[in-house]
Amino acid sequence: MRLKEFIGATEAEAIERVRAEWGDRAIILSSRRERPGGLFGWFRRKTVVVVAAYDGEPEGGALAPVPSGTDERATDDRLTGPGGAGSRVSAVRAAVMRDADGGLLEARRTALLEILEQSRRRTERAAIDGAPSVPFAAKVRPSPARSPGGGKDERSEATPAHESPDETLVMLRTALEGVFDGRRGPYVRAFWPLADALRAHGVEPRWIGKLHDAVLRRRPEAAADAAKMRQAAAHMLTGWLRRKVGVPKRAPRLIVLVGPTGVGKTTTAAKLSARLTLQGDGKTALITADTYRIAAVEQLRTYAEIMDVPFAVVYTPEEAEARARRALGEGRTVFVDTAGRNYRDDVTLSELRPYVERLIGLDASALPLLTLALTHTWEDNARLIERFLPLGVDALVFTKYDEAARLGQIINAALRYPVRAVYVTDGQNVPDDLRALDAEWLVRTAVGGDAS
């Protein structure tokens, strides 16, 4: 395989030069824009550099099997010498690993798969012409199947022993397996540890891929250094999250907690109220609309008595609005706990809607908090976010981080939806086990590196 760079004023012009010299068998591996160097390079037009490969046959046609008794050194020369299979594999592998040149990994992967397909077709043609090489399909056939009568099925007959596989194809496939790890995806090697860390936290593959590509576009020099890659990726991911994570700059005076059953809304309401009270930042009031669970009412009443703050139980949206308005008029910050129900059901969601609409209409700084447990799957929590967005619920608190220490759901939610991730809780202690989220901590905990 031959590799060569072609330069043109545009990508189309460069590709045309490739076709003019090598024809339709040429394969485009990558392209990049370059500005001429030197003091006056700034005043010259940019050029496009296309790296192409030509998968031509070595002299003498396809590789033939080595007869018995042949010197092993001659066999090695056939594979590793100029034009041999080994040199072709090395050339392709080198082209793939030159990620700092700015070529797209996905485009290279597609091109290399095309090389594999061409090699497969060439091998099959050689077999039809009588050359003793084995088609690609023959090497991946299952073991001989048995016919209903107990004999071998002729369609799955094993490959004859005298036929040998195409060395180029085998070696090329092996090289590609090392470059494009099936588990890690089409990422440069320096990005592998970062991809593993993000995947372990449950970050969606789409965001891992976007982060990888963004770093290579803006910091191509990081492609060869894992430490630089981690630092660049952490900085970039922090920038993406900074406006989507954390407490709003304007402190909310009314917080309404909504969400499914068992996610910790009542305890979270108590934590928020207790923290504000203990910090001396203002007076608070607790209201519960969760009349489906008697234990919830008594639990929040107990917290209110301990903190010595007003407490009320409401049964209708109108009553909730009146109680909250009164507390706001007294200069208090109001925390409202709502019933945990199955909000995948349209009827249940419609029952909650008037509570949310009336309460968040009372104050411009009102913060409706959808409470989600990190112990639930991301797919389930994503569906809940989608259910609550039409109600105007666009802020999130994630609970049970102590039981499921994976932060990927928070990153996924912030990047995927028009929401703000505000808090995370990590235990039952009131008010200690509550953290106001910030992008730097989130990224540092998920991937490490300097997020500043």
Protein backbone atom coordinates (compact mmCIF):
# COMPACT_ATOMS: atom_id res chain seq x y z
CA MET A 1 0.00 0.00 0.00
CA ARG A 2 1.27 3.43 -0.94
CA LEU A 3 0.42 6.61 0.98
CA LYS A 4 0.74 10.10 -0.44
CA GLU A 5 -0.37 13.65 0.34
CA PHE A 6 -2.16 15.65 -2.35
CA ILE A 7 -2.51 19.44 -2.05
CA GLY A 8 -5.21 21.62 -3.57
CA ALA A 9 -6.88 24.95 -3.07
CA THR A 10 -10.06 23.08 -2.13
CA GLU A 11 -10.81 19.57 -0.98
CA ALA A 12 -12.48 18.80 -4.30
CA GLU A 13 -9.37 19.90 -6.19
CA ALA A 14 -7.10 17.76 -4.01
CA ILE A 15 -9.34 14.71 -4.43
CA GLU A 16 -9.40 15.28 -8.20
CA ARG A 17 -5.60 15.10 -8.19
CA VAL A 18 -5.82 11.82 -6.30
CA ARG A 19 -8.18 10.39 -8.90
CA ALA A 20 -6.05 11.67 -11.77
CA GLU A 21 -2.96 9.87 -10.48
CA TRP A 22 -4.38 6.71 -8.94
CA GLY A 23 -7.88 6.36 -10.36
CA ASP A 24 -10.93 4.98 -8.59
CA ARG A 25 -8.93 2.47 -6.52
CA ALA A 26 -7.48 5.26 -4.40
CA ILE A 27 -8.82 5.51 -0.84
CA ILE A 28 -9.08 8.82 1.01
CA LEU A 29 -7.79 8.41 4.58
CA SER A 30 -8.00 11.99 5.87
CA SER A 31 -8.05 15.65 4.95
CA ARG A 32 -6.96 18.82 6.71
CA ARG A 33 -6.67 22.53 6.07
CA GLU A 34 -3.26 24.17 6.26
CA ARG A 35 -2.08 27.77 6.21
CA PRO A 36 1.29 28.35 4.47
CA GLY A 37 4.09 28.96 6.92
CA GLY A 38 6.48 31.87 7.15
CA LEU A 39 6.11 35.53 7.94
CA PHE A 40 3.88 36.20 4.98
CA GLY A 41 1.90 33.00 5.22
CA TRP A 42 -0.98 34.90 6.73
CA PHE A 43 -1.55 36.66 3.44
CA ARG A 44 -1.69 33.49 1.40
CA ARG A 45 -4.70 31.32 0.75
CA LYS A 46 -5.22 28.22 2.85
CA THR A 47 -4.71 24.87 1.19
CA VAL A 48 -6.29 21.48 1.72
CA VAL A 49 -4.09 18.42 2.20
CA VAL A 50 -5.65 15.04 1.42
CA VAL A 51 -3.92 11.85 2.54
CA ALA A 52 -4.74 8.99 0.17
CA ALA A 53 -3.83 5.32 -0.02
CA TYR A 54 -3.46 3.18 -3.11
CA ASP A 55 -4.14 -0.48 -2.51
CA GLY A 56 -2.38 -1.79 -5.61
CA GLU A 57 -1.14 -5.33 -6.07
CA PRO A 58 2.56 -6.01 -5.44
CA GLU A 59 4.52 -7.06 -8.47
CA GLY A 60 3.80 -10.64 -9.39
CA GLY A 61 0.11 -10.52 -8.47
CA ALA A 62 -1.55 -11.81 -5.32
CA LEU A 63 0.54 -13.44 -2.62
CA ALA A 64 0.82 -17.13 -3.26
CA PRO A 65 1.39 -19.83 -0.63
CA VAL A 66 5.01 -20.64 0.01
CA PRO A 67 5.96 -24.14 -1.13
CA SER A 68 7.30 -26.53 1.45
CA GLY A 69 11.05 -26.39 1.83
CA THR A 70 11.25 -22.69 1.04
CA ASP A 71 13.68 -20.68 3.15
CA GLU A 72 11.74 -19.00 6.02
CA ARG A 73 13.71 -15.80 5.43
CA ALA A 74 12.24 -15.61 1.95
CA THR A 75 8.78 -15.98 3.46
CA ASP A 76 9.51 -13.16 5.89
CA ASP A 77 10.64 -10.96 3.00
CA ARG A 78 7.37 -11.62 1.25
CA LEU A 79 5.48 -10.33 4.30
CA THR A 80 7.71 -7.58 5.65
CA GLY A 81 9.75 -6.46 2.65
CA PRO A 82 8.87 -3.56 0.38
CA GLY A 83 5.38 -4.05 -1.01
CA GLY A 84 4.76 -7.06 1.21
CA ALA A 85 1.77 -7.62 3.46
CA GLY A 86 3.58 -6.51 6.60
CA SER A 87 4.69 -3.21 5.13
CA ARG A 88 1.18 -2.57 3.85
CA VAL A 89 -0.28 -3.23 7.29
CA SER A 90 2.32 -0.97 8.91
CA ALA A 91 1.51 1.82 6.48
CA VAL A 92 -2.21 1.60 7.17
CA ARG A 93 -1.69 1.42 10.91
CA ALA A 94 0.62 4.43 10.83
CA ALA A 95 -1.94 6.41 8.87
CA VAL A 96 -4.64 5.55 11.38
CA MET A 97 -2.55 6.49 14.39
CA ARG A 98 -1.62 9.91 12.95
CA ASP A 99 -4.62 11.40 14.68
CA ALA A 100 -2.92 14.72 15.38
CA ASP A 101 -3.08 15.49 11.66
CA GLY A 102 -6.70 16.43 12.11
CA GLY A 103 -8.29 13.66 10.01
CA LEU A 104 -11.61 12.28 11.18
CA LEU A 105 -11.32 8.93 12.93
CA GLU A 106 -14.68 7.76 11.67
CA ALA A 107 -13.73 8.56 8.07
CA ARG A 108 -10.51 6.62 8.47
CA ARG A 109 -12.33 3.67 9.95
CA THR A 110 -14.71 3.64 6.99
CA ALA A 111 -11.81 3.82 4.56
CA LEU A 112 -10.03 0.95 6.25
CA LEU A 113 -13.13 -1.18 6.19
CA GLU A 114 -13.25 -0.48 2.47
CA ILE A 115 -9.68 -1.78 2.24
CA LEU A 116 -10.80 -4.96 3.97
CA GLU A 117 -13.67 -5.37 1.53
CA GLN A 118 -11.39 -4.85 -1.46
CA SER A 119 -8.97 -7.41 -0.11
CA ARG A 120 -11.83 -9.88 0.39
CA ARG A 121 -13.04 -9.42 -3.19
CA ARG A 122 -9.51 -9.72 -4.55
CA THR A 123 -8.96 -12.97 -2.66
CA GLU A 124 -12.21 -14.41 -3.93
CA ARG A 125 -11.29 -13.51 -7.50
CA ALA A 126 -7.95 -15.24 -7.03
CA ALA A 127 -9.75 -18.38 -5.86
CA ILE A 128 -12.03 -18.33 -8.91
CA ASP A 129 -9.00 -17.96 -11.18
CA GLY A 130 -7.42 -21.02 -9.60
CA ALA A 131 -4.97 -19.39 -7.20
CA PRO A 132 -4.83 -21.43 -3.97
CA SER A 133 -6.05 -18.74 -1.58
CA VAL A 134 -9.15 -18.83 0.60
CA PRO A 135 -12.05 -16.38 0.36
CA PHE A 136 -12.66 -14.31 3.47
CA ALA A 137 -16.02 -16.02 4.10
CA ALA A 138 -14.38 -19.42 4.25
CA LYS A 139 -12.23 -18.40 7.20
CA VAL A 140 -15.23 -17.46 9.32
CA ARG A 141 -17.46 -20.42 8.50
CA PRO A 142 -18.89 -22.33 11.46
CA SER A 143 -17.84 -25.87 12.15
CA PRO A 144 -19.34 -28.47 9.77
CA ALA A 145 -23.04 -28.87 10.39
CA ARG A 146 -24.82 -32.19 10.41
CA SER A 147 -27.65 -32.94 8.05
CA PRO A 148 -30.86 -34.44 9.43
CA GLY A 149 -29.58 -37.84 8.32
CA GLY A 150 -26.46 -37.57 10.38
CA GLY A 151 -24.00 -36.77 7.57
CA LYS A 152 -22.19 -33.56 6.87
CA ASP A 153 -24.01 -30.72 5.20
CA GLU A 154 -22.14 -30.02 1.98
CA ARG A 155 -22.90 -26.31 2.22
CA SER A 156 -20.82 -26.02 5.41
CA GLU A 157 -17.96 -28.29 4.37
CA ALA A 158 -14.65 -27.28 5.95
CA THR A 159 -12.05 -25.50 3.85
CA PRO A 160 -9.61 -27.92 2.18
CA ALA A 161 -6.39 -28.26 4.13
CA HIS A 162 -4.17 -27.37 1.15
CA GLU A 163 -5.71 -23.90 0.86
CA SER A 164 -4.09 -21.10 2.92
CA PRO A 165 -5.59 -17.74 4.00
CA ASP A 166 -4.58 -14.45 2.44
CA GLU A 167 -1.82 -13.16 4.73
CA THR A 168 -2.50 -9.53 3.90
CA LEU A 169 -6.12 -9.78 4.97
CA VAL A 170 -5.36 -11.60 8.22
CA MET A 171 -2.63 -9.18 9.23
CA LEU A 172 -4.66 -6.13 8.27
CA ARG A 173 -7.61 -7.30 10.35
CA THR A 174 -5.28 -7.91 13.29
CA ALA A 175 -3.81 -4.42 12.97
CA LEU A 176 -7.23 -2.81 12.87
CA GLU A 177 -8.37 -4.71 15.96
CA GLY A 178 -5.50 -3.08 17.85
CA VAL A 179 -6.36 0.41 16.62
CA PHE A 180 -10.16 0.34 16.80
CA ASP A 181 -10.82 -1.47 20.03
CA GLY A 182 -14.42 -2.70 19.87
CA ARG A 183 -15.05 -1.81 23.52
CA ARG A 184 -13.44 1.61 23.44
CA GLY A 185 -14.74 2.79 20.08
CA PRO A 186 -12.89 4.77 17.39
CA TYR A 187 -10.86 6.91 19.78
CA VAL A 188 -7.18 7.75 19.85
CA ARG A 189 -5.24 5.77 22.41
CA ALA A 190 -4.65 8.79 24.66
CA PHE A 191 -8.42 9.12 25.05
CA TRP A 192 -9.00 5.50 26.12
CA PRO A 193 -8.59 6.04 29.91
CA LEU A 194 -10.93 9.02 29.73
CA ALA A 195 -13.51 7.10 27.70
CA ASP A 196 -13.34 4.23 30.19
CA ALA A 197 -13.90 6.60 33.14
CA LEU A 198 -16.86 8.33 31.50
CA ARG A 199 -18.37 5.03 30.44
CA ALA A 200 -17.98 3.67 33.99
CA HIS A 201 -20.02 6.64 35.26
CA GLY A 202 -22.73 5.94 32.70
CA VAL A 203 -22.16 8.85 30.33
CA GLU A 204 -23.92 8.29 27.02
CA PRO A 205 -21.64 7.26 24.11
CA ARG A 206 -22.79 10.25 22.06
CA TRP A 207 -21.27 12.70 24.55
CA ILE A 208 -18.06 10.69 24.86
CA GLY A 209 -17.67 10.77 21.09
CA LYS A 210 -18.46 14.48 20.84
CA LEU A 211 -15.93 15.26 23.56
CA HIS A 212 -13.26 13.18 21.82
CA ASP A 213 -13.82 14.90 18.48
CA ALA A 214 -13.99 18.37 20.02
CA VAL A 215 -10.66 17.94 21.81
CA LEU A 216 -8.96 16.70 18.63
CA ARG A 217 -10.29 19.68 16.68
CA ARG A 218 -9.21 22.30 19.19
CA ARG A 219 -6.21 20.61 20.86
CA PRO A 220 -4.78 18.15 18.29
CA GLU A 221 -1.46 18.04 20.12
CA ALA A 222 -3.22 16.21 22.98
CA ALA A 223 -3.79 13.16 20.78
CA ALA A 224 -0.39 11.73 21.68
CA ASP A 225 -0.37 12.50 25.42
CA ALA A 226 -2.90 10.98 27.84
CA ALA A 227 -2.27 13.63 30.53
CA LYS A 228 -2.79 16.50 28.09
CA MET A 229 -5.84 14.75 26.70
CA ARG A 230 -7.39 14.41 30.16
CA GLN A 231 -6.71 18.04 31.02
CA ALA A 232 -8.05 19.34 27.70
CA ALA A 233 -11.15 17.14 27.86
CA ALA A 234 -11.87 18.08 31.48
CA HIS A 235 -11.59 21.78 30.64
CA MET A 236 -13.87 21.42 27.62
CA LEU A 237 -16.50 19.32 29.41
CA THR A 238 -16.55 21.82 32.28
CA GLY A 239 -17.23 24.60 29.82
CA TRP A 240 -20.16 22.67 28.37
CA LEU A 241 -21.66 22.11 31.82
CA ARG A 242 -20.96 25.40 33.55
CA ARG A 243 -24.22 27.07 32.52
CA LYS A 244 -26.29 23.93 33.09
CA VAL A 245 -25.12 22.91 36.55
CA GLY A 246 -25.40 24.64 39.92
CA VAL A 247 -27.73 26.77 42.02
CA PRO A 248 -29.26 29.73 40.15
CA LYS A 249 -27.56 33.05 40.83
CA ARG A 250 -30.86 34.45 42.09
CA ALA A 251 -31.68 32.54 45.26
CA PRO A 252 -35.14 30.93 44.92
CA ARG A 253 -37.76 31.86 47.51
CA LEU A 254 -40.10 29.01 46.60
CA ILE A 255 -38.94 25.44 45.92
CA VAL A 256 -41.41 22.75 44.86
CA LEU A 257 -40.18 19.16 44.96
CA VAL A 258 -41.84 16.72 42.56
CA GLY A 259 -41.03 13.21 41.41
CA PRO A 260 -41.89 9.52 41.67
CA THR A 261 -42.23 7.47 44.84
CA GLY A 262 -39.28 6.57 47.02
CA VAL A 263 -36.72 9.01 45.66
CA GLY A 264 -36.33 11.10 48.83
CA LYS A 265 -38.36 14.25 48.20
CA THR A 266 -39.42 14.67 51.84
CA THR A 267 -35.91 14.26 53.23
CA THR A 268 -34.52 16.60 50.56
CA ALA A 269 -37.08 19.28 51.47
CA ALA A 270 -36.03 18.98 55.10
CA LYS A 271 -32.33 19.22 54.20
CA LEU A 272 -32.83 22.35 52.13
CA SER A 273 -34.92 24.03 54.81
CA ALA A 274 -32.56 23.05 57.64
CA ARG A 275 -29.48 24.24 55.79
CA LEU A 276 -31.01 27.64 55.10
CA THR A 277 -32.22 27.94 58.71
CA LEU A 278 -28.91 26.90 60.29
CA GLN A 279 -26.92 29.23 58.03
CA GLY A 280 -29.04 32.13 59.25
CA ASP A 281 -29.89 33.15 55.70
CA GLY A 282 -33.58 33.65 56.37
CA LYS A 283 -36.80 32.24 57.71
CA THR A 284 -38.34 29.15 56.12
CA ALA A 285 -41.66 27.33 55.98
CA LEU A 286 -42.54 23.72 55.12
CA ILE A 287 -45.69 22.64 53.27
CA THR A 288 -46.67 19.12 52.26
CA ALA A 289 -49.23 18.04 49.69
CA ASP A 290 -48.27 14.39 50.09
CA THR A 291 -51.45 13.16 51.73
CA TYR A 292 -51.11 9.73 50.14
CA ARG A 293 -48.51 8.73 52.72
CA ILE A 294 -49.33 9.46 56.36
CA ALA A 295 -45.70 8.76 57.24
CA ALA A 296 -44.59 11.56 54.92
CA VAL A 297 -46.78 14.10 56.74
CA GLU A 298 -45.50 13.05 60.16
CA GLN A 299 -41.90 12.94 58.97
CA LEU A 300 -41.95 16.50 57.66
CA ARG A 301 -43.93 17.69 60.71
CA THR A 302 -41.19 16.31 62.96
CA TYR A 303 -38.49 18.11 61.00
CA ALA A 304 -40.51 21.37 61.21
CA GLU A 305 -40.87 21.06 64.98
CA ILE A 306 -37.13 20.42 65.41
CA MET A 307 -36.26 23.48 63.30
CA ASP A 308 -39.11 25.53 64.79
CA VAL A 309 -40.52 26.58 61.42
CA PRO A 310 -44.17 26.84 60.28
CA PHE A 311 -45.66 23.66 58.82
CA ALA A 312 -48.88 23.04 56.89
CA VAL A 313 -50.69 20.14 55.22
CA VAL A 314 -52.66 21.03 52.07
CA TYR A 315 -55.22 18.98 50.15
CA THR A 316 -55.95 21.09 47.06
CA PRO A 317 -53.95 23.26 44.65
CA GLU A 318 -55.86 26.31 45.85
CA GLU A 319 -54.97 25.63 49.47
CA ALA A 320 -51.32 25.08 48.54
CA GLU A 321 -51.25 28.41 46.73
CA ALA A 322 -52.84 30.27 49.66
CA ARG A 323 -50.46 28.80 52.25
CA ALA A 324 -47.40 29.49 50.13
CA ARG A 325 -48.49 33.07 49.41
CA ARG A 326 -48.93 33.73 53.12
CA ALA A 327 -45.46 32.39 53.95
CA LEU A 328 -43.87 34.38 51.13
CA GLY A 329 -45.62 37.49 52.46
CA GLU A 330 -43.93 36.88 55.82
CA GLY A 331 -40.52 36.96 54.12
CA ARG A 332 -40.01 33.21 54.34
CA THR A 333 -38.44 30.81 51.85
CA VAL A 334 -41.05 28.12 51.20
CA PHE A 335 -40.38 24.42 50.55
CA VAL A 336 -43.28 22.34 49.22
CA ASP A 337 -43.26 18.54 49.21
CA THR A 338 -45.65 16.89 46.74
CA ALA A 339 -46.95 13.34 46.52
CA GLY A 340 -44.80 10.63 44.99
CA ARG A 341 -46.89 8.91 42.35
CA ASN A 342 -46.56 6.98 39.12
CA TYR A 343 -46.10 9.94 36.82
CA ARG A 344 -45.91 7.84 33.69
CA ASP A 345 -49.68 7.77 34.00
CA ASP A 346 -51.35 10.73 32.30
CA VAL A 347 -54.12 10.99 34.89
CA THR A 348 -51.67 11.14 37.79
CA LEU A 349 -49.60 13.77 36.03
CA SER A 350 -52.68 15.87 35.31
CA GLU A 351 -53.52 15.83 39.01
CA LEU A 352 -50.12 17.29 39.85
CA ARG A 353 -50.15 19.94 37.12
CA PRO A 354 -52.40 22.51 38.92
CA TYR A 355 -50.21 22.33 42.04
CA VAL A 356 -47.08 23.12 40.02
CA GLU A 357 -48.68 25.82 37.89
CA ARG A 358 -50.23 27.68 40.82
CA LEU A 359 -47.13 27.50 43.00
CA ILE A 360 -44.49 28.53 40.46
CA GLY A 361 -46.74 31.41 39.40
CA LEU A 362 -46.42 32.96 42.85
CA ASP A 363 -42.80 34.06 42.53
CA ALA A 364 -40.49 34.73 39.58
CA SER A 365 -37.64 32.93 41.35
CA ALA A 366 -39.68 29.77 42.02
CA LEU A 367 -37.66 26.60 41.49
CA PRO A 368 -39.57 23.40 40.65
CA LEU A 369 -37.18 20.53 41.43
CA LEU A 370 -37.66 17.13 39.81
CA THR A 371 -36.21 14.62 42.26
CA LEU A 372 -34.46 11.65 40.62
CA ALA A 373 -32.68 8.73 42.27
CA LEU A 374 -29.29 7.71 40.87
CA THR A 375 -30.19 4.13 41.78
CA HIS A 376 -32.73 4.18 38.92
CA THR A 377 -31.65 3.60 35.33
CA TRP A 378 -30.83 6.54 33.12
CA GLU A 379 -33.49 5.43 30.65
CA ASP A 380 -36.20 5.62 33.35
CA ASN A 381 -35.01 8.99 34.64
CA ALA A 382 -34.76 10.39 31.10
CA ARG A 383 -38.39 9.48 30.51
CA LEU A 384 -39.38 11.27 33.73
CA ILE A 385 -37.54 14.41 32.65
CA GLU A 386 -39.42 14.33 29.37
CA ARG A 387 -42.71 13.89 31.23
CA PHE A 388 -42.14 16.84 33.56
CA LEU A 389 -40.66 19.36 31.12
CA PRO A 390 -44.10 20.32 29.74
CA LEU A 391 -45.11 21.26 33.30
CA GLY A 392 -42.29 23.80 33.47
CA VAL A 393 -40.17 21.59 35.74
CA ASP A 394 -36.67 22.29 34.45
CA ALA A 395 -34.43 21.88 37.52
CA LEU A 396 -33.13 18.60 38.93
CA VAL A 397 -31.94 17.19 42.23
CA PHE A 398 -30.31 13.76 42.19
CA THR A 399 -30.52 11.60 45.31
CA LYS A 400 -28.83 8.44 46.64
CA TYR A 401 -25.37 9.19 45.33
CA ASP A 402 -24.11 7.22 48.33
CA GLU A 403 -25.84 4.11 46.96
CA ALA A 404 -24.91 4.58 43.31
CA ALA A 405 -21.74 6.65 42.97
CA ARG A 406 -22.07 7.25 39.24
CA LEU A 407 -22.43 10.80 37.96
CA GLY A 408 -23.11 10.07 34.30
CA GLN A 409 -26.83 10.67 34.65
CA ILE A 410 -26.23 14.24 35.78
CA ILE A 411 -23.94 14.90 32.81
CA ASN A 412 -26.37 13.23 30.40
CA ALA A 413 -29.32 15.25 31.67
CA ALA A 414 -27.48 18.58 31.52
CA LEU A 415 -26.20 17.99 27.99
CA ARG A 416 -29.32 16.39 26.56
CA TYR A 417 -32.20 18.45 27.98
CA PRO A 418 -32.98 22.15 28.64
CA VAL A 419 -32.64 21.64 32.39
CA ARG A 420 -30.37 22.68 35.25
CA ALA A 421 -28.85 20.12 37.63
CA VAL A 422 -28.86 21.86 41.02
CA TYR A 423 -28.25 19.45 43.91
CA VAL A 424 -27.07 15.94 44.70
CA THR A 425 -27.67 14.11 48.00
CA ASP A 426 -25.54 11.33 49.43
CA GLY A 427 -27.16 10.08 52.64
CA GLN A 428 -29.97 10.47 55.17
CA ASN A 429 -28.33 12.98 57.52
CA VAL A 430 -30.19 16.30 57.70
CA PRO A 431 -28.86 18.76 56.59
CA ASP A 432 -25.33 17.49 55.98
CA ASP A 433 -25.81 15.00 53.14
CA LEU A 434 -26.64 17.57 50.49
CA ARG A 435 -24.30 19.19 47.95
CA ALA A 436 -24.96 22.12 45.63
CA LEU A 437 -23.61 20.96 42.30
CA ASP A 438 -20.93 22.78 40.35
CA ALA A 439 -19.39 21.85 37.02
CA GLU A 440 -15.78 21.72 38.28
CA TRP A 441 -16.57 19.20 41.02
CA LEU A 442 -18.74 17.13 38.69
CA VAL A 443 -16.06 16.81 36.01
CA ARG A 444 -13.21 16.35 38.47
CA THR A 445 -15.06 13.52 40.20
CA ALA A 446 -16.07 11.86 36.95
CA VAL A 447 -12.82 12.01 34.99
CA GLY A 448 -10.13 13.72 37.04
CA GLY A 449 -7.84 16.30 35.47
CA ASP A 450 -7.74 20.06 35.86
CA ALA A 451 -11.21 21.36 35.05
CA SER A 452 -10.35 25.02 35.52
